[in-house]
Amino acid sequence: MSRMDELIQLCTKWSSERGIFVNGTVPTQALKLVSEVGELADNVAKHRDIADDIGDCLVVLNNLAMMNELTLEQCLEVAYLDIKDRTGYLNGAGVFIKDSDRGQAA
């Protein structure tokens, strides 16, 4: 078992022990994710360490996956299959422009 798999199991156990899967809902966990992403953005803007913020987002993403009978691995695979053949570029403003979006009015 990889360290990542072990950590996911530990986080799942932690969430289970705190009643998140019994008393939580997908909408409340989605709102929690928005809160955690906000904390991440705040710390990025303030040039602070973001390791804990990224980890917190992963914990909540794992909760959401579990509540939908999915795994983080399954979700990441779906996302990768969606982007693997995507072409485009990152413009000077830091925005990724898909080749399929080029020429479309903004």
N, C-alpha and C. Protein backbone atom coordinates (compact mmCIF):
# COMPACT_ATOMS: atom_id res chain seq x y z
N MET A 1 0.85 -1.17 0.00
CA MET A 1 0.00 0.00 0.00
C MET A 1 0.90 1.24 0.00
N SER A 2 0.54 2.20 -0.84
CA SER A 2 1.33 3.43 -0.89
C SER A 2 1.03 4.31 0.31
N ARG A 3 1.90 5.24 0.57
CA ARG A 3 1.68 6.19 1.67
C ARG A 3 0.40 7.00 1.41
N MET A 4 0.16 7.34 0.13
CA MET A 4 -1.06 8.08 -0.21
C MET A 4 -2.30 7.27 0.14
N ASP A 5 -2.30 6.00 -0.22
CA ASP A 5 -3.44 5.13 0.11
C ASP A 5 -3.64 5.06 1.62
N GLU A 6 -2.53 4.94 2.35
CA GLU A 6 -2.61 4.88 3.81
C GLU A 6 -3.21 6.17 4.39
N LEU A 7 -2.75 7.30 3.87
CA LEU A 7 -3.26 8.59 4.36
C LEU A 7 -4.75 8.76 4.04
N ILE A 8 -5.16 8.32 2.87
CA ILE A 8 -6.57 8.40 2.52
C ILE A 8 -7.40 7.54 3.47
N GLN A 9 -6.91 6.34 3.76
CA GLN A 9 -7.62 5.48 4.72
C GLN A 9 -7.71 6.13 6.10
N LEU A 10 -6.62 6.74 6.54
CA LEU A 10 -6.62 7.41 7.84
C LEU A 10 -7.59 8.59 7.86
N CYS A 11 -7.63 9.35 6.79
CA CYS A 11 -8.56 10.48 6.72
C CYS A 11 -10.00 10.00 6.67
N THR A 12 -10.25 8.92 5.94
CA THR A 12 -11.60 8.35 5.87
C THR A 12 -12.04 7.88 7.25
N LYS A 13 -11.13 7.23 7.98
CA LYS A 13 -11.42 6.78 9.34
C LYS A 13 -11.70 7.97 10.24
N TRP A 14 -10.89 9.01 10.15
CA TRP A 14 -11.07 10.21 10.95
C TRP A 14 -12.45 10.82 10.70
N SER A 15 -12.82 10.94 9.44
CA SER A 15 -14.13 11.52 9.08
C SER A 15 -15.27 10.64 9.58
N SER A 16 -15.10 9.34 9.45
CA SER A 16 -16.13 8.41 9.91
C SER A 16 -16.33 8.51 11.42
N GLU A 17 -15.22 8.57 12.15
CA GLU A 17 -15.29 8.65 13.61
C GLU A 17 -15.96 9.94 14.09
N ARG A 18 -15.97 10.94 13.27
CA ARG A 18 -16.57 12.22 13.63
C ARG A 18 -17.98 12.39 13.07
N GLY A 19 -18.52 11.33 12.51
CA GLY A 19 -19.91 11.34 12.05
C GLY A 19 -20.16 12.07 10.75
N ILE A 20 -19.10 12.37 10.01
CA ILE A 20 -19.28 13.13 8.78
C ILE A 20 -20.09 12.35 7.75
N PHE A 21 -19.87 11.04 7.67
CA PHE A 21 -20.59 10.25 6.67
C PHE A 21 -22.03 9.95 7.10
N VAL A 22 -22.30 9.98 8.39
CA VAL A 22 -23.64 9.70 8.91
C VAL A 22 -24.47 10.98 8.98
N ASN A 23 -23.87 12.05 9.49
CA ASN A 23 -24.61 13.28 9.73
C ASN A 23 -24.36 14.37 8.70
N GLY A 24 -23.31 14.23 7.93
CA GLY A 24 -23.01 15.23 6.91
C GLY A 24 -23.81 14.99 5.65
N THR A 25 -23.79 15.98 4.80
CA THR A 25 -24.45 15.85 3.50
C THR A 25 -23.48 16.31 2.41
N VAL A 26 -23.77 15.92 1.20
CA VAL A 26 -22.94 16.35 0.08
C VAL A 26 -22.93 17.88 -0.01
N PRO A 27 -24.10 18.54 0.09
CA PRO A 27 -24.07 20.01 0.02
C PRO A 27 -23.23 20.66 1.13
N THR A 28 -23.30 20.13 2.35
CA THR A 28 -22.51 20.76 3.43
C THR A 28 -21.02 20.50 3.22
N GLN A 29 -20.67 19.35 2.69
CA GLN A 29 -19.26 19.09 2.41
C GLN A 29 -18.79 19.94 1.23
N ALA A 30 -19.64 20.17 0.26
CA ALA A 30 -19.28 21.05 -0.86
C ALA A 30 -19.02 22.47 -0.35
N LEU A 31 -19.86 22.93 0.58
CA LEU A 31 -19.64 24.25 1.17
C LEU A 31 -18.35 24.28 1.99
N LYS A 32 -18.06 23.19 2.68
CA LYS A 32 -16.81 23.09 3.44
C LYS A 32 -15.61 23.19 2.50
N LEU A 33 -15.72 22.56 1.33
CA LEU A 33 -14.64 22.63 0.36
C LEU A 33 -14.42 24.07 -0.10
N VAL A 34 -15.51 24.79 -0.35
CA VAL A 34 -15.38 26.19 -0.75
C VAL A 34 -14.66 26.98 0.34
N SER A 35 -15.01 26.72 1.59
CA SER A 35 -14.35 27.38 2.72
C SER A 35 -12.86 27.07 2.74
N GLU A 36 -12.51 25.81 2.55
CA GLU A 36 -11.10 25.41 2.56
C GLU A 36 -10.35 26.02 1.38
N VAL A 37 -10.98 26.09 0.22
CA VAL A 37 -10.34 26.71 -0.94
C VAL A 37 -10.14 28.20 -0.68
N GLY A 38 -11.09 28.83 0.01
CA GLY A 38 -10.92 30.23 0.38
C GLY A 38 -9.72 30.44 1.27
N GLU A 39 -9.54 29.55 2.24
CA GLU A 39 -8.37 29.63 3.12
C GLU A 39 -7.08 29.45 2.31
N LEU A 40 -7.12 28.52 1.36
CA LEU A 40 -5.97 28.30 0.49
C LEU A 40 -5.64 29.57 -0.30
N ALA A 41 -6.66 30.16 -0.90
CA ALA A 41 -6.45 31.37 -1.70
C ALA A 41 -5.90 32.51 -0.84
N ASP A 42 -6.43 32.64 0.37
CA ASP A 42 -5.96 33.68 1.29
C ASP A 42 -4.49 33.51 1.60
N ASN A 43 -4.08 32.28 1.88
CA ASN A 43 -2.68 32.02 2.21
C ASN A 43 -1.77 32.15 0.99
N VAL A 44 -2.27 31.81 -0.19
CA VAL A 44 -1.49 32.04 -1.41
C VAL A 44 -1.25 33.54 -1.57
N ALA A 45 -2.33 34.33 -1.41
CA ALA A 45 -2.23 35.79 -1.57
C ALA A 45 -1.26 36.40 -0.57
N LYS A 46 -1.17 35.80 0.62
CA LYS A 46 -0.31 36.33 1.68
C LYS A 46 1.07 35.67 1.70
N HIS A 47 1.35 34.86 0.68
CA HIS A 47 2.64 34.17 0.55
C HIS A 47 2.97 33.34 1.78
N ARG A 48 1.95 32.66 2.31
CA ARG A 48 2.13 31.78 3.46
C ARG A 48 2.21 30.33 2.99
N ASP A 49 2.64 29.45 3.89
CA ASP A 49 2.68 28.02 3.60
C ASP A 49 1.27 27.52 3.30
N ILE A 50 1.13 26.72 2.26
CA ILE A 50 -0.21 26.26 1.84
C ILE A 50 -0.37 24.75 1.94
N ALA A 51 0.63 24.04 2.48
CA ALA A 51 0.55 22.58 2.54
C ALA A 51 -0.68 22.11 3.31
N ASP A 52 -0.95 22.71 4.46
CA ASP A 52 -2.11 22.31 5.26
C ASP A 52 -3.41 22.61 4.52
N ASP A 53 -3.46 23.73 3.81
CA ASP A 53 -4.67 24.10 3.08
C ASP A 53 -4.97 23.11 1.95
N ILE A 54 -3.94 22.73 1.23
CA ILE A 54 -4.13 21.74 0.17
C ILE A 54 -4.57 20.42 0.79
N GLY A 55 -3.95 20.04 1.89
CA GLY A 55 -4.35 18.81 2.58
C GLY A 55 -5.78 18.85 3.05
N ASP A 56 -6.20 19.99 3.62
CA ASP A 56 -7.59 20.12 4.07
C ASP A 56 -8.56 19.95 2.90
N CYS A 57 -8.21 20.53 1.75
CA CYS A 57 -9.05 20.37 0.55
C CYS A 57 -9.14 18.90 0.16
N LEU A 58 -8.02 18.19 0.22
CA LEU A 58 -8.02 16.77 -0.12
C LEU A 58 -8.88 15.96 0.83
N VAL A 59 -8.85 16.30 2.14
CA VAL A 59 -9.69 15.60 3.10
C VAL A 59 -11.16 15.76 2.73
N VAL A 60 -11.56 16.99 2.43
CA VAL A 60 -12.97 17.23 2.09
C VAL A 60 -13.32 16.61 0.74
N LEU A 61 -12.40 16.67 -0.22
CA LEU A 61 -12.66 16.01 -1.51
C LEU A 61 -12.83 14.51 -1.32
N ASN A 62 -12.03 13.92 -0.43
CA ASN A 62 -12.19 12.51 -0.13
C ASN A 62 -13.56 12.24 0.48
N ASN A 63 -13.99 13.12 1.40
CA ASN A 63 -15.33 12.96 1.99
C ASN A 63 -16.40 12.98 0.91
N LEU A 64 -16.30 13.93 0.00
CA LEU A 64 -17.28 14.03 -1.08
C LEU A 64 -17.27 12.78 -1.96
N ALA A 65 -16.07 12.31 -2.27
CA ALA A 65 -15.97 11.09 -3.08
C ALA A 65 -16.63 9.93 -2.35
N MET A 66 -16.28 9.74 -1.09
CA MET A 66 -16.84 8.62 -0.31
C MET A 66 -18.37 8.71 -0.23
N MET A 67 -18.88 9.92 -0.04
CA MET A 67 -20.33 10.11 0.07
C MET A 67 -21.06 9.82 -1.24
N ASN A 68 -20.30 9.79 -2.33
CA ASN A 68 -20.86 9.48 -3.65
C ASN A 68 -20.39 8.13 -4.17
N GLU A 69 -19.90 7.29 -3.24
CA GLU A 69 -19.43 5.94 -3.57
C GLU A 69 -18.36 5.96 -4.67
N LEU A 70 -17.45 6.91 -4.53
CA LEU A 70 -16.32 7.04 -5.44
C LEU A 70 -15.04 7.06 -4.62
N THR A 71 -13.92 7.01 -5.32
CA THR A 71 -12.62 7.19 -4.68
C THR A 71 -11.93 8.39 -5.34
N LEU A 72 -10.96 8.95 -4.63
CA LEU A 72 -10.19 10.04 -5.24
C LEU A 72 -9.51 9.56 -6.51
N GLU A 73 -9.04 8.33 -6.50
CA GLU A 73 -8.39 7.77 -7.69
C GLU A 73 -9.34 7.73 -8.87
N GLN A 74 -10.57 7.27 -8.65
CA GLN A 74 -11.56 7.23 -9.73
C GLN A 74 -11.84 8.64 -10.27
N CYS A 75 -11.99 9.60 -9.38
CA CYS A 75 -12.28 10.97 -9.79
C CYS A 75 -11.12 11.56 -10.57
N LEU A 76 -9.90 11.31 -10.11
CA LEU A 76 -8.73 11.83 -10.80
C LEU A 76 -8.59 11.18 -12.18
N GLU A 77 -8.91 9.90 -12.27
CA GLU A 77 -8.84 9.22 -13.57
C GLU A 77 -9.85 9.82 -14.55
N VAL A 78 -11.07 10.08 -14.09
CA VAL A 78 -12.08 10.69 -14.95
C VAL A 78 -11.58 12.05 -15.44
N ALA A 79 -11.02 12.84 -14.53
CA ALA A 79 -10.51 14.17 -14.89
C ALA A 79 -9.36 14.05 -15.89
N TYR A 80 -8.45 13.10 -15.64
CA TYR A 80 -7.32 12.94 -16.54
C TYR A 80 -7.79 12.53 -17.93
N LEU A 81 -8.73 11.60 -18.00
CA LEU A 81 -9.24 11.17 -19.30
C LEU A 81 -9.89 12.33 -20.05
N ASP A 82 -10.45 13.28 -19.30
CA ASP A 82 -11.07 14.45 -19.90
C ASP A 82 -10.02 15.42 -20.46
N ILE A 83 -8.88 15.54 -19.78
CA ILE A 83 -7.88 16.54 -20.20
C ILE A 83 -6.73 15.98 -21.01
N LYS A 84 -6.54 14.66 -21.03
CA LYS A 84 -5.30 14.10 -21.58
C LYS A 84 -5.03 14.50 -23.03
N ASP A 85 -6.07 14.70 -23.81
CA ASP A 85 -5.87 15.07 -25.21
C ASP A 85 -6.16 16.55 -25.46
N ARG A 86 -6.42 17.30 -24.38
CA ARG A 86 -6.74 18.72 -24.53
C ARG A 86 -5.48 19.48 -24.93
N THR A 87 -5.64 20.36 -25.86
CA THR A 87 -4.51 21.19 -26.29
C THR A 87 -4.86 22.65 -26.05
N GLY A 88 -3.84 23.44 -25.93
CA GLY A 88 -4.01 24.85 -25.69
C GLY A 88 -2.73 25.43 -25.12
N TYR A 89 -2.87 26.58 -24.50
CA TYR A 89 -1.68 27.25 -23.95
C TYR A 89 -2.09 28.15 -22.79
N LEU A 90 -1.12 28.47 -21.96
CA LEU A 90 -1.31 29.41 -20.86
C LEU A 90 -0.89 30.78 -21.37
N ASN A 91 -1.83 31.73 -21.38
CA ASN A 91 -1.51 33.06 -21.91
C ASN A 91 -0.72 33.88 -20.90
N GLY A 92 -0.34 35.08 -21.28
CA GLY A 92 0.48 35.94 -20.44
C GLY A 92 -0.20 36.35 -19.14
N ALA A 93 -1.53 36.25 -19.08
CA ALA A 93 -2.27 36.59 -17.86
C ALA A 93 -2.43 35.38 -16.95
N GLY A 94 -1.86 34.23 -17.37
CA GLY A 94 -1.96 33.02 -16.55
C GLY A 94 -3.25 32.25 -16.74
N VAL A 95 -3.96 32.50 -17.84
CA VAL A 95 -5.22 31.82 -18.12
C VAL A 95 -4.99 30.76 -19.20
N PHE A 96 -5.44 29.52 -18.93
CA PHE A 96 -5.30 28.45 -19.93
C PHE A 96 -6.38 28.64 -20.99
N ILE A 97 -5.96 28.74 -22.24
CA ILE A 97 -6.88 28.89 -23.37
C ILE A 97 -6.88 27.57 -24.14
N LYS A 98 -8.02 26.88 -24.10
CA LYS A 98 -8.14 25.64 -24.86
C LYS A 98 -8.15 25.98 -26.35
N ASP A 99 -7.52 25.13 -27.14
CA ASP A 99 -7.57 25.34 -28.59
C ASP A 99 -9.02 25.36 -29.07
N SER A 100 -9.89 24.57 -28.42
CA SER A 100 -11.29 24.54 -28.83
C SER A 100 -12.02 25.85 -28.51
N ASP A 101 -11.45 26.70 -27.64
CA ASP A 101 -12.06 27.99 -27.29
C ASP A 101 -11.52 29.14 -28.13
N ARG A 102 -10.44 28.92 -28.85
CA ARG A 102 -9.84 29.99 -29.65
C ARG A 102 -10.82 30.48 -30.70
N GLY A 103 -10.85 31.76 -30.84
CA GLY A 103 -11.71 32.35 -31.85
C GLY A 103 -13.13 32.60 -31.39
N GLN A 104 -13.49 32.10 -30.20
CA GLN A 104 -14.82 32.35 -29.66
C GLN A 104 -14.81 33.67 -28.92
N ALA A 105 -15.87 34.44 -29.05
CA ALA A 105 -15.96 35.73 -28.33
C ALA A 105 -16.03 35.48 -26.84
N ALA A 106 -15.40 36.33 -26.09
CA ALA A 106 -15.41 36.20 -24.63
C ALA A 106 -16.66 36.80 -24.03
